Amino acid sequence: MSNTKYVNNPSLHTIKAGYPGNLLVDGEFTNSYTKDENSFLKVLKWKFSKNPQREEKAK
């Protein structure tokens, strides 16, 4: 079972009222409620997939 909690910095002004903070799952900040496991195969697929903006980004 994962350890999840919200962490915020009370010294910083928060714009959204009632915002609980950033989600921390097992000591790592995340955008979802579970940690995504990245496999080497997923990284290779991402790296070698077609990217029409690749040349534009290189400029």
PDB file of N, CA and C in Angstrom:
ATOM      1  N   MET A   1       0.847  -1.185   0.000  1.00  0.00           N
ATOM      2  CA  MET A   1       0.000   0.000   0.000  1.00  0.00           C
ATOM      3  C   MET A   1       0.884   1.237   0.000  1.00  0.00           C
ATOM      4  N   SER A   2       0.512   2.208  -0.793  1.00  0.00           N
ATOM      5  CA  SER A   2       1.348   3.399  -0.912  1.00  0.00           C
ATOM      6  C   SER A   2       0.974   4.442   0.141  1.00  0.00           C
ATOM      7  N   ASN A   3       1.942   5.232   0.497  1.00  0.00           N
ATOM      8  CA  ASN A   3       1.772   6.300   1.463  1.00  0.00           C
ATOM      9  C   ASN A   3       1.564   7.600   0.693  1.00  0.00           C
ATOM     10  N   THR A   4       0.341   8.153   0.739  1.00  0.00           N
ATOM     11  CA  THR A   4       0.049   9.384   0.015  1.00  0.00           C
ATOM     12  C   THR A   4      -0.322  10.486   0.988  1.00  0.00           C
ATOM     13  N   LYS A   5       0.141  11.681   0.675  1.00  0.00           N
ATOM     14  CA  LYS A   5      -0.233  12.855   1.464  1.00  0.00           C
ATOM     15  C   LYS A   5      -0.027  14.102   0.609  1.00  0.00           C
ATOM     16  N   TYR A   6      -0.637  15.182   1.024  1.00  0.00           N
ATOM     17  CA  TYR A   6      -0.488  16.460   0.342  1.00  0.00           C
ATOM     18  C   TYR A   6       0.481  17.326   1.130  1.00  0.00           C
ATOM     19  N   VAL A   7       1.374  17.986   0.414  1.00  0.00           N
ATOM     20  CA  VAL A   7       2.387  18.822   1.044  1.00  0.00           C
ATOM     21  C   VAL A   7       2.262  20.231   0.466  1.00  0.00           C
ATOM     22  N   ASN A   8       2.282  21.224   1.336  1.00  0.00           N
ATOM     23  CA  ASN A   8       2.293  22.609   0.861  1.00  0.00           C
ATOM     24  C   ASN A   8       3.242  23.435   1.709  1.00  0.00           C
ATOM     25  N   ASN A   9       3.579  24.586   1.208  1.00  0.00           N
ATOM     26  CA  ASN A   9       4.472  25.495   1.898  1.00  0.00           C
ATOM     27  C   ASN A   9       3.634  26.653   2.422  1.00  0.00           C
ATOM     28  N   PRO A  10       3.394  26.715   3.715  1.00  0.00           N
ATOM     29  CA  PRO A  10       2.550  27.781   4.259  1.00  0.00           C
ATOM     30  C   PRO A  10       3.167  29.172   4.102  1.00  0.00           C
ATOM     31  N   SER A  11       4.453  29.249   3.794  1.00  0.00           N
ATOM     32  CA  SER A  11       5.101  30.550   3.601  1.00  0.00           C
ATOM     33  C   SER A  11       4.754  31.163   2.249  1.00  0.00           C
ATOM     34  N   LEU A  12       4.262  30.333   1.320  1.00  0.00           N
ATOM     35  CA  LEU A  12       3.921  30.821  -0.012  1.00  0.00           C
ATOM     36  C   LEU A  12       2.434  31.125  -0.100  1.00  0.00           C
ATOM     37  N   HIS A  13       2.095  32.171  -0.830  1.00  0.00           N
ATOM     38  CA  HIS A  13       0.704  32.561  -1.033  1.00  0.00           C
ATOM     39  C   HIS A  13       0.053  31.586  -2.012  1.00  0.00           C
ATOM     40  N   THR A  14      -1.071  31.000  -1.622  1.00  0.00           N
ATOM     41  CA  THR A  14      -1.803  30.085  -2.494  1.00  0.00           C
ATOM     42  C   THR A  14      -2.975  30.828  -3.099  1.00  0.00           C
ATOM     43  N   ILE A  15      -3.084  30.781  -4.424  1.00  0.00           N
ATOM     44  CA  ILE A  15      -4.126  31.519  -5.131  1.00  0.00           C
ATOM     45  C   ILE A  15      -5.484  30.838  -4.977  1.00  0.00           C
ATOM     46  N   LYS A  16      -5.532  29.515  -5.142  1.00  0.00           N
ATOM     47  CA  LYS A  16      -6.785  28.779  -5.078  1.00  0.00           C
ATOM     48  C   LYS A  16      -7.137  28.468  -3.622  1.00  0.00           C
ATOM     49  N   ALA A  17      -8.259  28.983  -3.174  1.00  0.00           N
ATOM     50  CA  ALA A  17      -8.696  28.754  -1.787  1.00  0.00           C
ATOM     51  C   ALA A  17      -8.997  27.271  -1.569  1.00  0.00           C
ATOM     52  N   GLY A  18      -8.524  26.733  -0.459  1.00  0.00           N
ATOM     53  CA  GLY A  18      -8.772  25.346  -0.122  1.00  0.00           C
ATOM     54  C   GLY A  18      -7.863  24.358  -0.819  1.00  0.00           C
ATOM     55  N   TYR A  19      -6.847  24.826  -1.527  1.00  0.00           N
ATOM     56  CA  TYR A  19      -5.927  23.929  -2.229  1.00  0.00           C
ATOM     57  C   TYR A  19      -5.119  23.147  -1.199  1.00  0.00           C
ATOM     58  N   PRO A  20      -5.157  21.803  -1.241  1.00  0.00           N
ATOM     59  CA  PRO A  20      -4.487  21.014  -0.203  1.00  0.00           C
ATOM     60  C   PRO A  20      -2.973  20.957  -0.339  1.00  0.00           C
ATOM     61  N   GLY A  21      -2.449  21.192  -1.524  1.00  0.00           N
ATOM     62  CA  GLY A  21      -1.010  21.130  -1.746  1.00  0.00           C
ATOM     63  C   GLY A  21      -0.676  20.155  -2.852  1.00  0.00           C
ATOM     64  N   ASN A  22       0.597  19.841  -2.995  1.00  0.00           N
ATOM     65  CA  ASN A  22       1.066  18.913  -4.024  1.00  0.00           C
ATOM     66  C   ASN A  22       1.026  17.494  -3.490  1.00  0.00           C
ATOM     67  N   LEU A  23       0.632  16.563  -4.350  1.00  0.00           N
ATOM     68  CA  LEU A  23       0.490  15.175  -3.955  1.00  0.00           C
ATOM     69  C   LEU A  23       1.853  14.497  -3.870  1.00  0.00           C
ATOM     70  N   LEU A  24       2.095  13.831  -2.754  1.00  0.00           N
ATOM     71  CA  LEU A  24       3.333  13.108  -2.510  1.00  0.00           C
ATOM     72  C   LEU A  24       2.974  11.637  -2.317  1.00  0.00           C
ATOM     73  N   VAL A  25       3.491  10.750  -3.183  1.00  0.00           N
ATOM     74  CA  VAL A  25       3.229   9.315  -3.100  1.00  0.00           C
ATOM     75  C   VAL A  25       4.548   8.610  -2.830  1.00  0.00           C
ATOM     76  N   ASP A  26       4.646   7.944  -1.711  1.00  0.00           N
ATOM     77  CA  ASP A  26       5.868   7.236  -1.300  1.00  0.00           C
ATOM     78  C   ASP A  26       7.111   8.116  -1.381  1.00  0.00           C
ATOM     79  N   GLY A  27       6.977   9.376  -0.988  1.00  0.00           N
ATOM     80  CA  GLY A  27       8.116  10.283  -0.941  1.00  0.00           C
ATOM     81  C   GLY A  27       8.470  10.935  -2.260  1.00  0.00           C
ATOM     82  N   GLU A  28       7.642  10.744  -3.300  1.00  0.00           N
ATOM     83  CA  GLU A  28       7.896  11.359  -4.607  1.00  0.00           C
ATOM     84  C   GLU A  28       6.672  12.157  -5.036  1.00  0.00           C
ATOM     85  N   PHE A  29       6.894  13.359  -5.567  1.00  0.00           N
ATOM     86  CA  PHE A  29       5.799  14.160  -6.077  1.00  0.00           C
ATOM     87  C   PHE A  29       5.268  13.521  -7.350  1.00  0.00           C
ATOM     88  N   THR A  30       3.944  13.564  -7.519  1.00  0.00           N
ATOM     89  CA  THR A  30       3.322  12.922  -8.673  1.00  0.00           C
ATOM     90  C   THR A  30       2.086  13.694  -9.110  1.00  0.00           C
ATOM     91  N   ASN A  31       1.625  13.434 -10.329  1.00  0.00           N
ATOM     92  CA  ASN A  31       0.424  14.071 -10.856  1.00  0.00           C
ATOM     93  C   ASN A  31      -0.804  13.184 -10.718  1.00  0.00           C
ATOM     94  N   SER A  32      -0.636  11.944 -10.298  1.00  0.00           N
ATOM     95  CA  SER A  32      -1.761  11.028 -10.143  1.00  0.00           C
ATOM     96  C   SER A  32      -1.666  10.349  -8.789  1.00  0.00           C
ATOM     97  N   TYR A  33      -2.642   9.503  -8.487  1.00  0.00           N
ATOM     98  CA  TYR A  33      -2.679   8.864  -7.171  1.00  0.00           C
ATOM     99  C   TYR A  33      -1.837   7.603  -7.081  1.00  0.00           C
ATOM    100  N   THR A  34      -1.229   7.197  -8.183  1.00  0.00           N
ATOM    101  CA  THR A  34      -0.348   6.038  -8.176  1.00  0.00           C
ATOM    102  C   THR A  34       0.962   6.412  -8.849  1.00  0.00           C
ATOM    103  N   LYS A  35       2.002   5.689  -8.500  1.00  0.00           N
ATOM    104  CA  LYS A  35       3.284   5.918  -9.162  1.00  0.00           C
ATOM    105  C   LYS A  35       3.291   5.155 -10.476  1.00  0.00           C
ATOM    106  N   ASP A  36       3.624   5.832 -11.548  1.00  0.00           N
ATOM    107  CA  ASP A  36       3.711   5.177 -12.845  1.00  0.00           C
ATOM    108  C   ASP A  36       5.082   4.537 -12.974  1.00  0.00           C
ATOM    109  N   GLU A  37       5.085   3.294 -13.358  1.00  0.00           N
ATOM    110  CA  GLU A  37       6.343   2.586 -13.562  1.00  0.00           C
ATOM    111  C   GLU A  37       6.746   2.718 -15.021  1.00  0.00           C
ATOM    112  N   ASN A  38       7.878   3.333 -15.270  1.00  0.00           N
ATOM    113  CA  ASN A  38       8.388   3.468 -16.625  1.00  0.00           C
ATOM    114  C   ASN A  38       9.316   2.301 -16.922  1.00  0.00           C
ATOM    115  N   SER A  39       8.970   1.585 -17.975  1.00  0.00           N
ATOM    116  CA  SER A  39       9.810   0.467 -18.365  1.00  0.00           C
ATOM    117  C   SER A  39      10.759   0.929 -19.468  1.00  0.00           C
ATOM    118  N   PHE A  40      11.791   0.171 -19.661  1.00  0.00           N
ATOM    119  CA  PHE A  40      12.755   0.484 -20.715  1.00  0.00           C
ATOM    120  C   PHE A  40      12.073   0.446 -22.075  1.00  0.00           C
ATOM    121  N   LEU A  41      11.117  -0.457 -22.244  1.00  0.00           N
ATOM    122  CA  LEU A  41      10.389  -0.557 -23.504  1.00  0.00           C
ATOM    123  C   LEU A  41       9.566   0.703 -23.767  1.00  0.00           C
ATOM    124  N   LYS A  42       8.936   1.251 -22.736  1.00  0.00           N
ATOM    125  CA  LYS A  42       8.172   2.494 -22.899  1.00  0.00           C
ATOM    126  C   LYS A  42       9.081   3.652 -23.291  1.00  0.00           C
ATOM    127  N   VAL A  43      10.253   3.705 -22.702  1.00  0.00           N
ATOM    128  CA  VAL A  43      11.206   4.771 -23.026  1.00  0.00           C
ATOM    129  C   VAL A  43      11.658   4.652 -24.475  1.00  0.00           C
ATOM    130  N   LEU A  44      11.967   3.440 -24.919  1.00  0.00           N
ATOM    131  CA  LEU A  44      12.376   3.243 -26.315  1.00  0.00           C
ATOM    132  C   LEU A  44      11.247   3.605 -27.281  1.00  0.00           C
ATOM    133  N   LYS A  45      10.038   3.210 -26.946  1.00  0.00           N
ATOM    134  CA  LYS A  45       8.892   3.535 -27.800  1.00  0.00           C
ATOM    135  C   LYS A  45       8.727   5.048 -27.899  1.00  0.00           C
ATOM    136  N   TRP A  46       8.847   5.768 -26.789  1.00  0.00           N
ATOM    137  CA  TRP A  46       8.733   7.216 -26.782  1.00  0.00           C
ATOM    138  C   TRP A  46       9.851   7.849 -27.609  1.00  0.00           C
ATOM    139  N   LYS A  47      11.066   7.360 -27.422  1.00  0.00           N
ATOM    140  CA  LYS A  47      12.225   7.950 -28.085  1.00  0.00           C
ATOM    141  C   LYS A  47      12.170   7.789 -29.602  1.00  0.00           C
ATOM    142  N   PHE A  48      11.708   6.648 -30.070  1.00  0.00           N
ATOM    143  CA  PHE A  48      11.739   6.368 -31.505  1.00  0.00           C
ATOM    144  C   PHE A  48      10.384   6.548 -32.188  1.00  0.00           C
ATOM    145  N   SER A  49       9.399   7.072 -31.483  1.00  0.00           N
ATOM    146  CA  SER A  49       8.102   7.316 -32.113  1.00  0.00           C
ATOM    147  C   SER A  49       8.183   8.549 -33.002  1.00  0.00           C
ATOM    148  N   LYS A  50       7.247   8.625 -33.955  1.00  0.00           N
ATOM    149  CA  LYS A  50       7.217   9.740 -34.895  1.00  0.00           C
ATOM    150  C   LYS A  50       6.873  11.027 -34.153  1.00  0.00           C
ATOM    151  N   ASN A  51       7.612  12.070 -34.428  1.00  0.00           N
ATOM    152  CA  ASN A  51       7.386  13.365 -33.805  1.00  0.00           C
ATOM    153  C   ASN A  51       7.489  14.432 -34.887  1.00  0.00           C
ATOM    154  N   PRO A  52       6.361  14.911 -35.398  1.00  0.00           N
ATOM    155  CA  PRO A  52       6.402  15.881 -36.488  1.00  0.00           C
ATOM    156  C   PRO A  52       7.046  17.219 -36.102  1.00  0.00           C
ATOM    157  N   GLN A  53       7.091  17.549 -34.825  1.00  0.00           N
ATOM    158  CA  GLN A  53       7.677  18.827 -34.397  1.00  0.00           C
ATOM    159  C   GLN A  53       9.152  18.714 -34.023  1.00  0.00           C
ATOM    160  N   ARG A  54       9.743  17.555 -34.172  1.00  0.00           N
ATOM    161  CA  ARG A  54      11.124  17.339 -33.741  1.00  0.00           C
ATOM    162  C   ARG A  54      12.093  18.344 -34.385  1.00  0.00           C
ATOM    163  N   GLU A  55      11.958  18.527 -35.709  1.00  0.00           N
ATOM    164  CA  GLU A  55      12.858  19.456 -36.404  1.00  0.00           C
ATOM    165  C   GLU A  55      12.642  20.891 -35.949  1.00  0.00           C
ATOM    166  N   GLU A  56      11.383  21.259 -35.741  1.00  0.00           N
ATOM    167  CA  GLU A  56      11.062  22.617 -35.293  1.00  0.00           C
ATOM    168  C   GLU A  56      11.603  22.870 -33.894  1.00  0.00           C
ATOM    169  N   LYS A  57      11.520  21.881 -33.015  1.00  0.00           N
ATOM    170  CA  LYS A  57      12.017  22.034 -31.650  1.00  0.00           C
ATOM    171  C   LYS A  57      13.526  22.179 -31.612  1.00  0.00           C
ATOM    172  N   ALA A  58      14.221  21.603 -32.565  1.00  0.00           N
ATOM    173  CA  ALA A  58      15.693  21.638 -32.589  1.00  0.00           C
ATOM    174  C   ALA A  58      16.227  23.028 -32.916  1.00  0.00           C
ATOM    175  N   LYS A  59      15.397  23.887 -33.474  1.00  0.00           N
ATOM    176  CA  LYS A  59      15.850  25.236 -33.875  1.00  0.00           C
ATOM    177  C   LYS A  59      16.064  26.130 -32.687  1.00  0.00           C
TER     178      LYS A  59
END
